[in-house]
Amino acid sequence: MKRLARKWKNGSDDDEEDDDGKSCLPTSSDFHPMDTEEQEELVRSLERSLAQQSRFWRRVFAGLHCCFVAFLIFSIHGQTTMPWELRYHAYFMDEIESWTVIAAEWAAVFVSFMAVAGLLRSSRSQRRWLWFSCCFGALLAAADISMGCYLASFRSLEWSRVFALRRSSYERIIGGS
């Protein structure tokens, strides 16, 4: 690839120069088809670049997933040491038992670790962990949503108050500018 870049930078031997001494842009007669070896070298360099970028972004997403796992573990710790003190757990205090929340969060930790394992594996056969985490995560999300729909606290939540608060905050933002 470096050889191709140098060849393009230096140009061909029969380049014409302007009056300023600067080389002119290549014309259609300056382009020569690449031979097979040069094409293969270019393809290999692009494949290496793709693999490097893929590894980088998979590691970035695995790191973000690990941050989510840390939050879940903090949430589990909060629920075990001080049940129902966290606001997002307190909504369900009258509806479900504490161990149910803890079990659901441990299931989410397990699914997240499966996703991290799939992201950090480089072979295609080991990436099946991504599919497992996707399927189990969808099942876990469906269970959480169905449980939330049947809870009396969600059904009785005054949504008009929620939307009124949102509307007043928008009016403050728009009115202040």
C-alpha atoms as a PDB file:
ATOM      1  CA  MET A   1       0.000   0.000   0.000  1.00  0.00           C
ATOM      2  CA  LYS A   2       2.869   2.340   0.829  1.00  0.00           C
ATOM      3  CA  ARG A   3       4.448   1.558  -2.495  1.00  0.00           C
ATOM      4  CA  LEU A   4       1.204   2.472  -4.265  1.00  0.00           C
ATOM      5  CA  ALA A   5       0.967   5.704  -2.289  1.00  0.00           C
ATOM      6  CA  ARG A   6       4.539   6.627  -3.169  1.00  0.00           C
ATOM      7  CA  LYS A   7       3.911   5.809  -6.809  1.00  0.00           C
ATOM      8  CA  TRP A   8       0.800   8.030  -6.844  1.00  0.00           C
ATOM      9  CA  LYS A   9       2.571  10.810  -4.938  1.00  0.00           C
ATOM     10  CA  ASN A  10       5.613  10.845  -7.195  1.00  0.00           C
ATOM     11  CA  GLY A  11       3.545  10.355 -10.334  1.00  0.00           C
ATOM     12  CA  SER A  12       4.743   8.768 -13.522  1.00  0.00           C
ATOM     13  CA  ASP A  13       7.966   9.769 -15.259  1.00  0.00           C
ATOM     14  CA  ASP A  14       6.248  11.515 -18.157  1.00  0.00           C
ATOM     15  CA  ASP A  15       4.287  14.029 -16.002  1.00  0.00           C
ATOM     16  CA  GLU A  16       4.177  17.486 -17.409  1.00  0.00           C
ATOM     17  CA  GLU A  17       4.843  20.444 -15.153  1.00  0.00           C
ATOM     18  CA  ASP A  18       3.052  23.784 -15.148  1.00  0.00           C
ATOM     19  CA  ASP A  19       4.814  27.067 -15.488  1.00  0.00           C
ATOM     20  CA  ASP A  20       4.935  27.311 -11.659  1.00  0.00           C
ATOM     21  CA  GLY A  21       6.928  24.101 -11.402  1.00  0.00           C
ATOM     22  CA  LYS A  22       4.023  22.257  -9.811  1.00  0.00           C
ATOM     23  CA  SER A  23       2.881  19.016 -11.353  1.00  0.00           C
ATOM     24  CA  CYS A  24      -0.498  19.014 -13.012  1.00  0.00           C
ATOM     25  CA  LEU A  25      -3.370  16.663 -12.255  1.00  0.00           C
ATOM     26  CA  PRO A  26      -3.202  13.277 -13.956  1.00  0.00           C
ATOM     27  CA  THR A  27      -5.087  12.847 -17.163  1.00  0.00           C
ATOM     28  CA  SER A  28      -6.797   9.756 -18.474  1.00  0.00           C
ATOM     29  CA  SER A  29      -3.629   8.778 -20.352  1.00  0.00           C
ATOM     30  CA  ASP A  30      -1.676   8.689 -17.056  1.00  0.00           C
ATOM     31  CA  PHE A  31      -3.844   5.951 -15.555  1.00  0.00           C
ATOM     32  CA  HIS A  32      -2.586   2.445 -15.995  1.00  0.00           C
ATOM     33  CA  PRO A  33      -4.469  -0.627 -14.821  1.00  0.00           C
ATOM     34  CA  MET A  34      -3.085  -2.240 -11.699  1.00  0.00           C
ATOM     35  CA  ASP A  35      -1.487  -5.600 -12.123  1.00  0.00           C
ATOM     36  CA  THR A  36      -2.743  -8.593 -10.134  1.00  0.00           C
ATOM     37  CA  GLU A  37      -0.072  -8.351  -7.442  1.00  0.00           C
ATOM     38  CA  GLU A  38      -0.874  -4.694  -6.736  1.00  0.00           C
ATOM     39  CA  GLN A  39      -4.596  -5.447  -6.590  1.00  0.00           C
ATOM     40  CA  GLU A  40      -4.023  -8.291  -4.122  1.00  0.00           C
ATOM     41  CA  GLU A  41      -1.788  -6.064  -1.988  1.00  0.00           C
ATOM     42  CA  LEU A  42      -4.467  -3.352  -1.931  1.00  0.00           C
ATOM     43  CA  VAL A  43      -7.178  -5.872  -0.981  1.00  0.00           C
ATOM     44  CA  ARG A  44      -5.014  -7.320   1.818  1.00  0.00           C
ATOM     45  CA  SER A  45      -4.294  -3.874   3.235  1.00  0.00           C
ATOM     46  CA  LEU A  46      -8.016  -2.972   3.172  1.00  0.00           C
ATOM     47  CA  GLU A  47      -8.883  -6.259   4.879  1.00  0.00           C
ATOM     48  CA  ARG A  48      -6.280  -5.577   7.600  1.00  0.00           C
ATOM     49  CA  SER A  49      -7.696  -2.103   8.108  1.00  0.00           C
ATOM     50  CA  LEU A  50     -11.240  -3.477   8.341  1.00  0.00           C
ATOM     51  CA  ALA A  51     -10.193  -6.132  10.869  1.00  0.00           C
ATOM     52  CA  GLN A  52      -8.414  -3.526  12.996  1.00  0.00           C
ATOM     53  CA  GLN A  53     -11.420  -1.184  13.009  1.00  0.00           C
ATOM     54  CA  SER A  54     -13.777  -4.061  13.757  1.00  0.00           C
ATOM     55  CA  ARG A  55     -11.666  -5.122  16.763  1.00  0.00           C
ATOM     56  CA  PHE A  56     -11.556  -1.547  18.034  1.00  0.00           C
ATOM     57  CA  TRP A  57     -15.335  -0.990  17.874  1.00  0.00           C
ATOM     58  CA  ARG A  58     -16.121  -4.406  19.318  1.00  0.00           C
ATOM     59  CA  ARG A  59     -13.901  -3.523  22.295  1.00  0.00           C
ATOM     60  CA  VAL A  60     -15.596  -0.134  22.655  1.00  0.00           C
ATOM     61  CA  PHE A  61     -19.051  -1.733  22.763  1.00  0.00           C
ATOM     62  CA  ALA A  62     -17.815  -4.429  25.153  1.00  0.00           C
ATOM     63  CA  GLY A  63     -16.539  -1.659  27.446  1.00  0.00           C
ATOM     64  CA  LEU A  64     -19.916   0.094  27.350  1.00  0.00           C
ATOM     65  CA  HIS A  65     -21.600  -3.205  28.146  1.00  0.00           C
ATOM     66  CA  CYS A  66     -19.258  -3.657  31.113  1.00  0.00           C
ATOM     67  CA  CYS A  67     -20.320  -0.220  32.388  1.00  0.00           C
ATOM     68  CA  PHE A  68     -23.941  -1.364  32.168  1.00  0.00           C
ATOM     69  CA  VAL A  69     -23.030  -4.538  34.096  1.00  0.00           C
ATOM     70  CA  ALA A  70     -21.402  -2.389  36.793  1.00  0.00           C
ATOM     71  CA  PHE A  71     -24.635  -0.379  37.079  1.00  0.00           C
ATOM     72  CA  LEU A  72     -26.673  -3.575  37.369  1.00  0.00           C
ATOM     73  CA  ILE A  73     -24.386  -4.908  40.093  1.00  0.00           C
ATOM     74  CA  PHE A  74     -24.707  -1.589  41.947  1.00  0.00           C
ATOM     75  CA  SER A  75     -28.472  -1.885  41.615  1.00  0.00           C
ATOM     76  CA  ILE A  76     -28.434  -5.473  42.916  1.00  0.00           C
ATOM     77  CA  HIS A  77     -26.276  -4.413  45.856  1.00  0.00           C
ATOM     78  CA  GLY A  78     -28.677  -1.563  46.635  1.00  0.00           C
ATOM     79  CA  GLN A  79     -31.676  -3.883  46.516  1.00  0.00           C
ATOM     80  CA  THR A  80     -30.057  -6.482  48.779  1.00  0.00           C
ATOM     81  CA  THR A  81     -28.704  -4.079  51.400  1.00  0.00           C
ATOM     82  CA  MET A  82     -31.520  -1.493  51.436  1.00  0.00           C
ATOM     83  CA  PRO A  83     -34.598  -2.991  49.775  1.00  0.00           C
ATOM     84  CA  TRP A  84     -36.804  -0.549  47.880  1.00  0.00           C
ATOM     85  CA  GLU A  85     -34.614   2.487  48.603  1.00  0.00           C
ATOM     86  CA  LEU A  86     -33.694   3.011  44.974  1.00  0.00           C
ATOM     87  CA  ARG A  87     -36.415   4.994  43.239  1.00  0.00           C
ATOM     88  CA  TYR A  88     -36.665   2.780  40.171  1.00  0.00           C
ATOM     89  CA  HIS A  89     -37.165  -0.229  42.478  1.00  0.00           C
ATOM     90  CA  ALA A  90     -39.570   1.512  44.848  1.00  0.00           C
ATOM     91  CA  TYR A  91     -42.280   1.702  42.164  1.00  0.00           C
ATOM     92  CA  PHE A  92     -42.729  -2.051  42.483  1.00  0.00           C
ATOM     93  CA  MET A  93     -42.630  -2.316  46.288  1.00  0.00           C
ATOM     94  CA  ASP A  94     -46.272  -3.290  46.737  1.00  0.00           C
ATOM     95  CA  GLU A  95     -46.432  -5.502  43.660  1.00  0.00           C
ATOM     96  CA  ILE A  96     -43.509  -7.949  43.714  1.00  0.00           C
ATOM     97  CA  GLU A  97     -41.037  -9.345  46.194  1.00  0.00           C
ATOM     98  CA  SER A  98     -37.463  -8.160  46.517  1.00  0.00           C
ATOM     99  CA  TRP A  99     -35.907 -11.444  45.388  1.00  0.00           C
ATOM    100  CA  THR A 100     -37.782 -11.204  42.069  1.00  0.00           C
ATOM    101  CA  VAL A 101     -36.120  -7.887  41.255  1.00  0.00           C
ATOM    102  CA  ILE A 102     -32.718  -9.259  42.259  1.00  0.00           C
ATOM    103  CA  ALA A 103     -33.209 -12.407  40.152  1.00  0.00           C
ATOM    104  CA  ALA A 104     -34.232 -10.361  37.097  1.00  0.00           C
ATOM    105  CA  GLU A 105     -31.174  -8.153  37.453  1.00  0.00           C
ATOM    106  CA  TRP A 106     -28.872 -11.177  37.819  1.00  0.00           C
ATOM    107  CA  ALA A 107     -30.416 -12.560  34.624  1.00  0.00           C
ATOM    108  CA  ALA A 108     -29.629  -9.239  32.906  1.00  0.00           C
ATOM    109  CA  VAL A 109     -26.032  -9.451  34.174  1.00  0.00           C
ATOM    110  CA  PHE A 110     -25.749 -12.974  32.760  1.00  0.00           C
ATOM    111  CA  VAL A 111     -27.120 -11.873  29.375  1.00  0.00           C
ATOM    112  CA  SER A 112     -24.750  -8.891  29.322  1.00  0.00           C
ATOM    113  CA  PHE A 113     -21.748 -11.106  30.032  1.00  0.00           C
ATOM    114  CA  MET A 114     -22.793 -13.358  27.148  1.00  0.00           C
ATOM    115  CA  ALA A 115     -22.842 -10.289  24.887  1.00  0.00           C
ATOM    116  CA  VAL A 116     -19.401  -9.183  26.089  1.00  0.00           C
ATOM    117  CA  ALA A 117     -18.040 -12.688  25.458  1.00  0.00           C
ATOM    118  CA  GLY A 118     -19.459 -12.598  21.939  1.00  0.00           C
ATOM    119  CA  LEU A 119     -18.014  -9.157  21.262  1.00  0.00           C
ATOM    120  CA  LEU A 120     -14.512 -10.044  22.424  1.00  0.00           C
ATOM    121  CA  ARG A 121     -14.249 -13.388  20.607  1.00  0.00           C
ATOM    122  CA  SER A 122     -12.618 -13.189  17.214  1.00  0.00           C
ATOM    123  CA  SER A 123     -13.703 -16.481  15.659  1.00  0.00           C
ATOM    124  CA  ARG A 124     -17.081 -16.776  13.998  1.00  0.00           C
ATOM    125  CA  SER A 125     -18.005 -19.921  15.909  1.00  0.00           C
ATOM    126  CA  GLN A 126     -17.469 -18.168  19.242  1.00  0.00           C
ATOM    127  CA  ARG A 127     -19.665 -15.233  18.228  1.00  0.00           C
ATOM    128  CA  ARG A 128     -22.723 -17.386  18.780  1.00  0.00           C
ATOM    129  CA  TRP A 129     -22.686 -15.846  22.252  1.00  0.00           C
ATOM    130  CA  LEU A 130     -23.991 -12.662  20.630  1.00  0.00           C
ATOM    131  CA  TRP A 131     -26.983 -14.555  19.259  1.00  0.00           C
ATOM    132  CA  PHE A 132     -27.604 -16.254  22.607  1.00  0.00           C
ATOM    133  CA  SER A 133     -27.494 -12.910  24.409  1.00  0.00           C
ATOM    134  CA  CYS A 134     -29.836 -11.377  21.837  1.00  0.00           C
ATOM    135  CA  CYS A 135     -32.400 -14.162  22.227  1.00  0.00           C
ATOM    136  CA  PHE A 136     -32.235 -14.300  26.023  1.00  0.00           C
ATOM    137  CA  GLY A 137     -32.244 -10.501  26.222  1.00  0.00           C
ATOM    138  CA  ALA A 138     -35.386 -10.353  24.099  1.00  0.00           C
ATOM    139  CA  LEU A 139     -37.042 -12.933  26.370  1.00  0.00           C
ATOM    140  CA  LEU A 140     -35.995 -10.975  29.445  1.00  0.00           C
ATOM    141  CA  ALA A 141     -37.285  -7.713  27.960  1.00  0.00           C
ATOM    142  CA  ALA A 142     -40.595  -9.336  27.032  1.00  0.00           C
ATOM    143  CA  ALA A 143     -40.964 -10.702  30.568  1.00  0.00           C
ATOM    144  CA  ASP A 144     -40.195  -7.288  32.073  1.00  0.00           C
ATOM    145  CA  ILE A 145     -42.638  -5.504  29.799  1.00  0.00           C
ATOM    146  CA  SER A 146     -45.409  -8.010  30.406  1.00  0.00           C
ATOM    147  CA  MET A 147     -44.821  -7.804  34.163  1.00  0.00           C
ATOM    148  CA  GLY A 148     -44.916  -4.009  33.978  1.00  0.00           C
ATOM    149  CA  CYS A 149     -48.187  -4.025  32.062  1.00  0.00           C
ATOM    150  CA  TYR A 150     -49.917  -6.083  34.729  1.00  0.00           C
ATOM    151  CA  LEU A 151     -48.695  -4.029  37.672  1.00  0.00           C
ATOM    152  CA  ALA A 152     -51.344  -1.858  39.288  1.00  0.00           C
ATOM    153  CA  SER A 153     -48.843   0.927  39.980  1.00  0.00           C
ATOM    154  CA  PHE A 154     -48.197   1.390  36.244  1.00  0.00           C
ATOM    155  CA  ARG A 155     -51.866   1.232  35.357  1.00  0.00           C
ATOM    156  CA  SER A 156     -52.789   3.795  38.006  1.00  0.00           C
ATOM    157  CA  LEU A 157     -49.923   6.161  37.238  1.00  0.00           C
ATOM    158  CA  GLU A 158     -51.333   9.525  36.348  1.00  0.00           C
ATOM    159  CA  TRP A 159     -49.960   9.944  32.858  1.00  0.00           C
ATOM    160  CA  SER A 160     -51.667  13.305  32.470  1.00  0.00           C
ATOM    161  CA  ARG A 161     -49.432  14.674  35.240  1.00  0.00           C
ATOM    162  CA  VAL A 162     -46.353  13.277  33.518  1.00  0.00           C
ATOM    163  CA  PHE A 163     -47.280  14.913  30.215  1.00  0.00           C
ATOM    164  CA  ALA A 164     -48.213  18.182  31.984  1.00  0.00           C
ATOM    165  CA  LEU A 165     -44.749  18.307  33.559  1.00  0.00           C
ATOM    166  CA  ARG A 166     -43.138  17.652  30.199  1.00  0.00           C
ATOM    167  CA  ARG A 167     -45.272  20.340  28.516  1.00  0.00           C
ATOM    168  CA  SER A 168     -44.415  22.939  31.170  1.00  0.00           C
ATOM    169  CA  SER A 169     -40.692  22.221  30.849  1.00  0.00           C
ATOM    170  CA  TYR A 170     -40.920  22.646  27.061  1.00  0.00           C
ATOM    171  CA  GLU A 171     -42.751  25.935  27.503  1.00  0.00           C
ATOM    172  CA  ARG A 172     -40.038  27.168  29.863  1.00  0.00           C
ATOM    173  CA  ILE A 173     -37.341  26.264  27.368  1.00  0.00           C
ATOM    174  CA  ILE A 174     -39.133  27.830  24.406  1.00  0.00           C
ATOM    175  CA  GLY A 175     -40.305  30.866  26.355  1.00  0.00           C
ATOM    176  CA  GLY A 176     -36.835  31.547  27.771  1.00  0.00           C
ATOM    177  CA  SER A 177     -35.131  31.827  24.381  1.00  0.00           C
END
